[in-house]
Every structure is written in C-alpha cells, then in structure tokens.
Amino acid sequence: MSDRPTSSKAVGLLIAVFVLGGVIGGLGTYMAGRLRDSPRRSRVMDQLTQQVPLTADQQMQIRNILAASRQRYRIIYDQSQQQARPQYEALRADTRARIRKLLNSSQQPKFDEFIRRLDAERKAHEQQNR
C-alpha cells in the first residue's frame, strides 16, 4: 500500500514528460510547416499578381525576394532552436532524473530502455523533418 503514492507520482511525471514532448514536438512541427512552401503562399502571390497587377518580370523578382526572405526566416528560426536546445535537454534530463528516483531497482532498467527507444524515435523524427 505504501507504493501507491509513489506509483501515482511516477505515472504523473511520466505523463508530464509525454505531454511536454508532444507540446515541444507539435510546436516545432507547426513552426517548420509555416516556413515551408504552402498553397497559401501561392494563393497570396496569385492574389497580389491580380490585384496590383504585376508583370511577369515583377512576379519573378517578387518570388525571388520572398524566397530569399524565407531562407533568412529559416536561419533565424534555426538559430532560436539551437539556443533553446540546451534548455530543452536540461529540462528533459531533470524530468527523467526525477522520475527515475521514484522507480524501484527492477523498474529502472525498463525505464532506461523505454527512454532509449523514445530518444531514438525522436532522433529519427528530427532527421526525417530536416
């Protein structure tokens, strides 16, 4: 019976780790999607061409300007991600250490294996989205 509060805390912290991972992953995916080519971007360019109206030469030049700007936005985004990465890693390590303290000696190796698989999946996902 004395293991119940500890087990509840462990489950709660494990859920928190998953939620945090989901939020961080979702935010990263959202931001990356906003920086890629999209149908919305094409629609805006089409509307601009019709409403201003633009010549073919102007369209090409504006597309080049927008592409260069997207590239610069991507650099800024990547830099902010690089700056935030150590904070994410520190939070992840702290969360895992706190969970690990709650586990008994037979649970710890299983938790370590779980974390190893989770990290491998995250790394594969990051590589896939680059």
C-alpha atoms as a PDB file:
ATOM      1  CA  MET A   1       0.000   0.000   0.000  1.00  0.00           C
ATOM      2  CA  SER A   2       2.888   2.387   0.655  1.00  0.00           C
ATOM      3  CA  ASP A   3       3.944   2.142  -3.008  1.00  0.00           C
ATOM      4  CA  ARG A   4       0.670   3.700  -4.224  1.00  0.00           C
ATOM      5  CA  PRO A   5       1.537   7.392  -3.727  1.00  0.00           C
ATOM      6  CA  THR A   6       4.972   6.811  -5.235  1.00  0.00           C
ATOM      7  CA  SER A   7       3.459   4.960  -8.188  1.00  0.00           C
ATOM      8  CA  SER A   8       0.926   7.723  -8.716  1.00  0.00           C
ATOM      9  CA  LYS A   9       3.690  10.324  -8.722  1.00  0.00           C
ATOM     10  CA  ALA A  10       5.729   8.274 -11.184  1.00  0.00           C
ATOM     11  CA  VAL A  11       2.779   7.897 -13.524  1.00  0.00           C
ATOM     12  CA  GLY A  12       2.014  11.608 -13.233  1.00  0.00           C
ATOM     13  CA  LEU A  13       5.576  12.582 -14.035  1.00  0.00           C
ATOM     14  CA  LEU A  14       5.723  10.130 -16.932  1.00  0.00           C
ATOM     15  CA  ILE A  15       2.548  11.636 -18.346  1.00  0.00           C
ATOM     16  CA  ALA A  16       4.060  15.101 -17.898  1.00  0.00           C
ATOM     17  CA  VAL A  17       7.124  14.021 -19.896  1.00  0.00           C
ATOM     18  CA  PHE A  18       4.919  12.800 -22.742  1.00  0.00           C
ATOM     19  CA  VAL A  19       2.791  15.929 -22.720  1.00  0.00           C
ATOM     20  CA  LEU A  20       5.876  18.145 -22.692  1.00  0.00           C
ATOM     21  CA  GLY A  21       7.401  16.148 -25.545  1.00  0.00           C
ATOM     22  CA  GLY A  22       4.183  16.403 -27.508  1.00  0.00           C
ATOM     23  CA  VAL A  23       3.923  20.140 -26.976  1.00  0.00           C
ATOM     24  CA  ILE A  24       7.536  20.750 -27.944  1.00  0.00           C
ATOM     25  CA  GLY A  25       7.283  18.434 -30.954  1.00  0.00           C
ATOM     26  CA  GLY A  26       3.995  19.958 -32.049  1.00  0.00           C
ATOM     27  CA  LEU A  27       5.338  23.477 -31.775  1.00  0.00           C
ATOM     28  CA  GLY A  28       8.432  22.552 -33.773  1.00  0.00           C
ATOM     29  CA  THR A  29       6.347  20.856 -36.445  1.00  0.00           C
ATOM     30  CA  TYR A  30       3.987  23.832 -36.622  1.00  0.00           C
ATOM     31  CA  MET A  31       6.843  26.319 -36.975  1.00  0.00           C
ATOM     32  CA  ALA A  32       8.629  24.203 -39.580  1.00  0.00           C
ATOM     33  CA  GLY A  33       5.403  23.907 -41.558  1.00  0.00           C
ATOM     34  CA  ARG A  34       4.929  27.660 -41.511  1.00  0.00           C
ATOM     35  CA  LEU A  35       8.376  28.107 -43.053  1.00  0.00           C
ATOM     36  CA  ARG A  36       7.882  25.686 -45.948  1.00  0.00           C
ATOM     37  CA  ASP A  37       6.169  26.342 -49.255  1.00  0.00           C
ATOM     38  CA  SER A  38       2.440  26.199 -48.871  1.00  0.00           C
ATOM     39  CA  PRO A  39      -0.673  26.547 -51.006  1.00  0.00           C
ATOM     40  CA  ARG A  40      -1.442  29.693 -49.020  1.00  0.00           C
ATOM     41  CA  ARG A  41       1.802  31.278 -50.190  1.00  0.00           C
ATOM     42  CA  SER A  42       0.917  30.540 -53.819  1.00  0.00           C
ATOM     43  CA  ARG A  43      -2.583  31.907 -53.322  1.00  0.00           C
ATOM     44  CA  VAL A  44      -1.228  35.134 -51.848  1.00  0.00           C
ATOM     45  CA  MET A  45       1.158  35.540 -54.780  1.00  0.00           C
ATOM     46  CA  ASP A  46      -1.707  34.903 -57.223  1.00  0.00           C
ATOM     47  CA  GLN A  47      -3.884  37.491 -55.465  1.00  0.00           C
ATOM     48  CA  LEU A  48      -1.046  40.008 -55.434  1.00  0.00           C
ATOM     49  CA  THR A  49      -0.485  39.459 -59.157  1.00  0.00           C
ATOM     50  CA  GLN A  50      -4.154  40.037 -59.917  1.00  0.00           C
ATOM     51  CA  GLN A  51      -4.813  42.937 -57.567  1.00  0.00           C
ATOM     52  CA  VAL A  52      -1.694  45.027 -58.141  1.00  0.00           C
ATOM     53  CA  PRO A  53      -1.388  43.800 -61.227  1.00  0.00           C
ATOM     54  CA  LEU A  54       2.173  42.546 -61.713  1.00  0.00           C
ATOM     55  CA  THR A  55       4.079  41.897 -64.891  1.00  0.00           C
ATOM     56  CA  ALA A  56       5.718  38.508 -65.395  1.00  0.00           C
ATOM     57  CA  ASP A  57       9.107  40.084 -64.652  1.00  0.00           C
ATOM     58  CA  GLN A  58       7.815  41.636 -61.426  1.00  0.00           C
ATOM     59  CA  GLN A  59       6.305  38.306 -60.386  1.00  0.00           C
ATOM     60  CA  MET A  60       9.637  36.575 -60.857  1.00  0.00           C
ATOM     61  CA  GLN A  61      11.512  39.252 -58.923  1.00  0.00           C
ATOM     62  CA  ILE A  62       8.991  39.199 -56.064  1.00  0.00           C
ATOM     63  CA  ARG A  63       9.134  35.406 -55.885  1.00  0.00           C
ATOM     64  CA  ASN A  64      12.932  35.678 -55.607  1.00  0.00           C
ATOM     65  CA  ILE A  65      12.635  38.305 -52.865  1.00  0.00           C
ATOM     66  CA  LEU A  66      10.149  36.155 -50.955  1.00  0.00           C
ATOM     67  CA  ALA A  67      12.311  33.037 -51.359  1.00  0.00           C
ATOM     68  CA  ALA A  68      15.333  34.901 -50.004  1.00  0.00           C
ATOM     69  CA  SER A  69      13.259  36.185 -47.095  1.00  0.00           C
ATOM     70  CA  ARG A  70      12.014  32.657 -46.324  1.00  0.00           C
ATOM     71  CA  GLN A  71      15.601  31.480 -46.279  1.00  0.00           C
ATOM     72  CA  ARG A  72      16.535  34.255 -43.834  1.00  0.00           C
ATOM     73  CA  TYR A  73      13.488  33.435 -41.665  1.00  0.00           C
ATOM     74  CA  ARG A  74      14.647  29.812 -41.626  1.00  0.00           C
ATOM     75  CA  ILE A  75      18.117  30.854 -40.458  1.00  0.00           C
ATOM     76  CA  ILE A  76      16.606  32.923 -37.648  1.00  0.00           C
ATOM     77  CA  TYR A  77      14.302  30.033 -36.695  1.00  0.00           C
ATOM     78  CA  ASP A  78      17.183  27.534 -36.708  1.00  0.00           C
ATOM     79  CA  GLN A  79      19.290  29.846 -34.536  1.00  0.00           C
ATOM     80  CA  SER A  80      16.490  30.190 -31.996  1.00  0.00           C
ATOM     81  CA  GLN A  81      16.079  26.402 -31.965  1.00  0.00           C
ATOM     82  CA  GLN A  82      19.820  25.977 -31.372  1.00  0.00           C
ATOM     83  CA  GLN A  83      19.688  28.441 -28.481  1.00  0.00           C
ATOM     84  CA  ALA A  84      16.679  26.700 -26.935  1.00  0.00           C
ATOM     85  CA  ARG A  85      18.034  23.151 -27.381  1.00  0.00           C
ATOM     86  CA  PRO A  86      20.228  23.193 -24.221  1.00  0.00           C
ATOM     87  CA  GLN A  87      17.234  24.318 -22.174  1.00  0.00           C
ATOM     88  CA  TYR A  88      15.076  21.524 -23.629  1.00  0.00           C
ATOM     89  CA  GLU A  89      17.821  18.991 -22.932  1.00  0.00           C
ATOM     90  CA  ALA A  90      18.302  20.197 -19.351  1.00  0.00           C
ATOM     91  CA  LEU A  91      14.568  20.054 -18.671  1.00  0.00           C
ATOM     92  CA  ARG A  92      14.339  16.594 -20.227  1.00  0.00           C
ATOM     93  CA  ALA A  93      17.277  15.330 -18.132  1.00  0.00           C
ATOM     94  CA  ASP A  94      15.831  16.806 -14.928  1.00  0.00           C
ATOM     95  CA  THR A  95      12.407  15.314 -15.592  1.00  0.00           C
ATOM     96  CA  ARG A  96      13.864  11.898 -16.294  1.00  0.00           C
ATOM     97  CA  ALA A  97      16.067  12.011 -13.188  1.00  0.00           C
ATOM     98  CA  ARG A  98      13.078  12.912 -11.026  1.00  0.00           C
ATOM     99  CA  ILE A  99      11.049  10.042 -12.487  1.00  0.00           C
ATOM    100  CA  ARG A 100      13.957   7.622 -12.146  1.00  0.00           C
ATOM    101  CA  LYS A 101      14.221   8.401  -8.398  1.00  0.00           C
ATOM    102  CA  LEU A 102      10.656   7.200  -7.952  1.00  0.00           C
ATOM    103  CA  LEU A 103      11.268   3.840  -9.574  1.00  0.00           C
ATOM    104  CA  ASN A 104      12.428   0.708  -7.810  1.00  0.00           C
ATOM    105  CA  SER A 105      15.506  -1.249  -8.912  1.00  0.00           C
ATOM    106  CA  SER A 106      13.523  -3.558 -11.203  1.00  0.00           C
ATOM    107  CA  GLN A 107      11.716  -0.650 -12.894  1.00  0.00           C
ATOM    108  CA  GLN A 108      14.777   1.478 -13.587  1.00  0.00           C
ATOM    109  CA  PRO A 109      16.281  -0.723 -16.347  1.00  0.00           C
ATOM    110  CA  LYS A 110      12.871  -0.883 -18.053  1.00  0.00           C
ATOM    111  CA  PHE A 111      12.551   2.894 -17.803  1.00  0.00           C
ATOM    112  CA  ASP A 112      16.070   3.316 -19.235  1.00  0.00           C
ATOM    113  CA  GLU A 113      15.158   1.076 -22.182  1.00  0.00           C
ATOM    114  CA  PHE A 114      11.914   2.984 -22.679  1.00  0.00           C
ATOM    115  CA  ILE A 115      13.830   6.277 -22.737  1.00  0.00           C
ATOM    116  CA  ARG A 116      16.403   4.848 -25.157  1.00  0.00           C
ATOM    117  CA  ARG A 117      13.629   3.898 -27.600  1.00  0.00           C
ATOM    118  CA  LEU A 118      11.877   7.243 -27.116  1.00  0.00           C
ATOM    119  CA  ASP A 119      15.106   9.124 -27.857  1.00  0.00           C
ATOM    120  CA  ALA A 120      15.745   7.003 -30.951  1.00  0.00           C
ATOM    121  CA  GLU A 121      12.246   7.741 -32.243  1.00  0.00           C
ATOM    122  CA  ARG A 122      12.666  11.464 -31.590  1.00  0.00           C
ATOM    123  CA  LYS A 123      16.040  11.495 -33.337  1.00  0.00           C
ATOM    124  CA  ALA A 124      14.612   9.646 -36.351  1.00  0.00           C
ATOM    125  CA  HIS A 125      11.692  12.089 -36.481  1.00  0.00           C
ATOM    126  CA  GLU A 126      14.079  15.067 -36.368  1.00  0.00           C
ATOM    127  CA  GLN A 127      16.199  13.600 -39.165  1.00  0.00           C
ATOM    128  CA  GLN A 128      13.103  12.945 -41.253  1.00  0.00           C
ATOM    129  CA  ASN A 129      11.878  16.529 -40.867  1.00  0.00           C
ATOM    130  CA  ARG A 130      15.115  18.194 -41.924  1.00  0.00           C
END
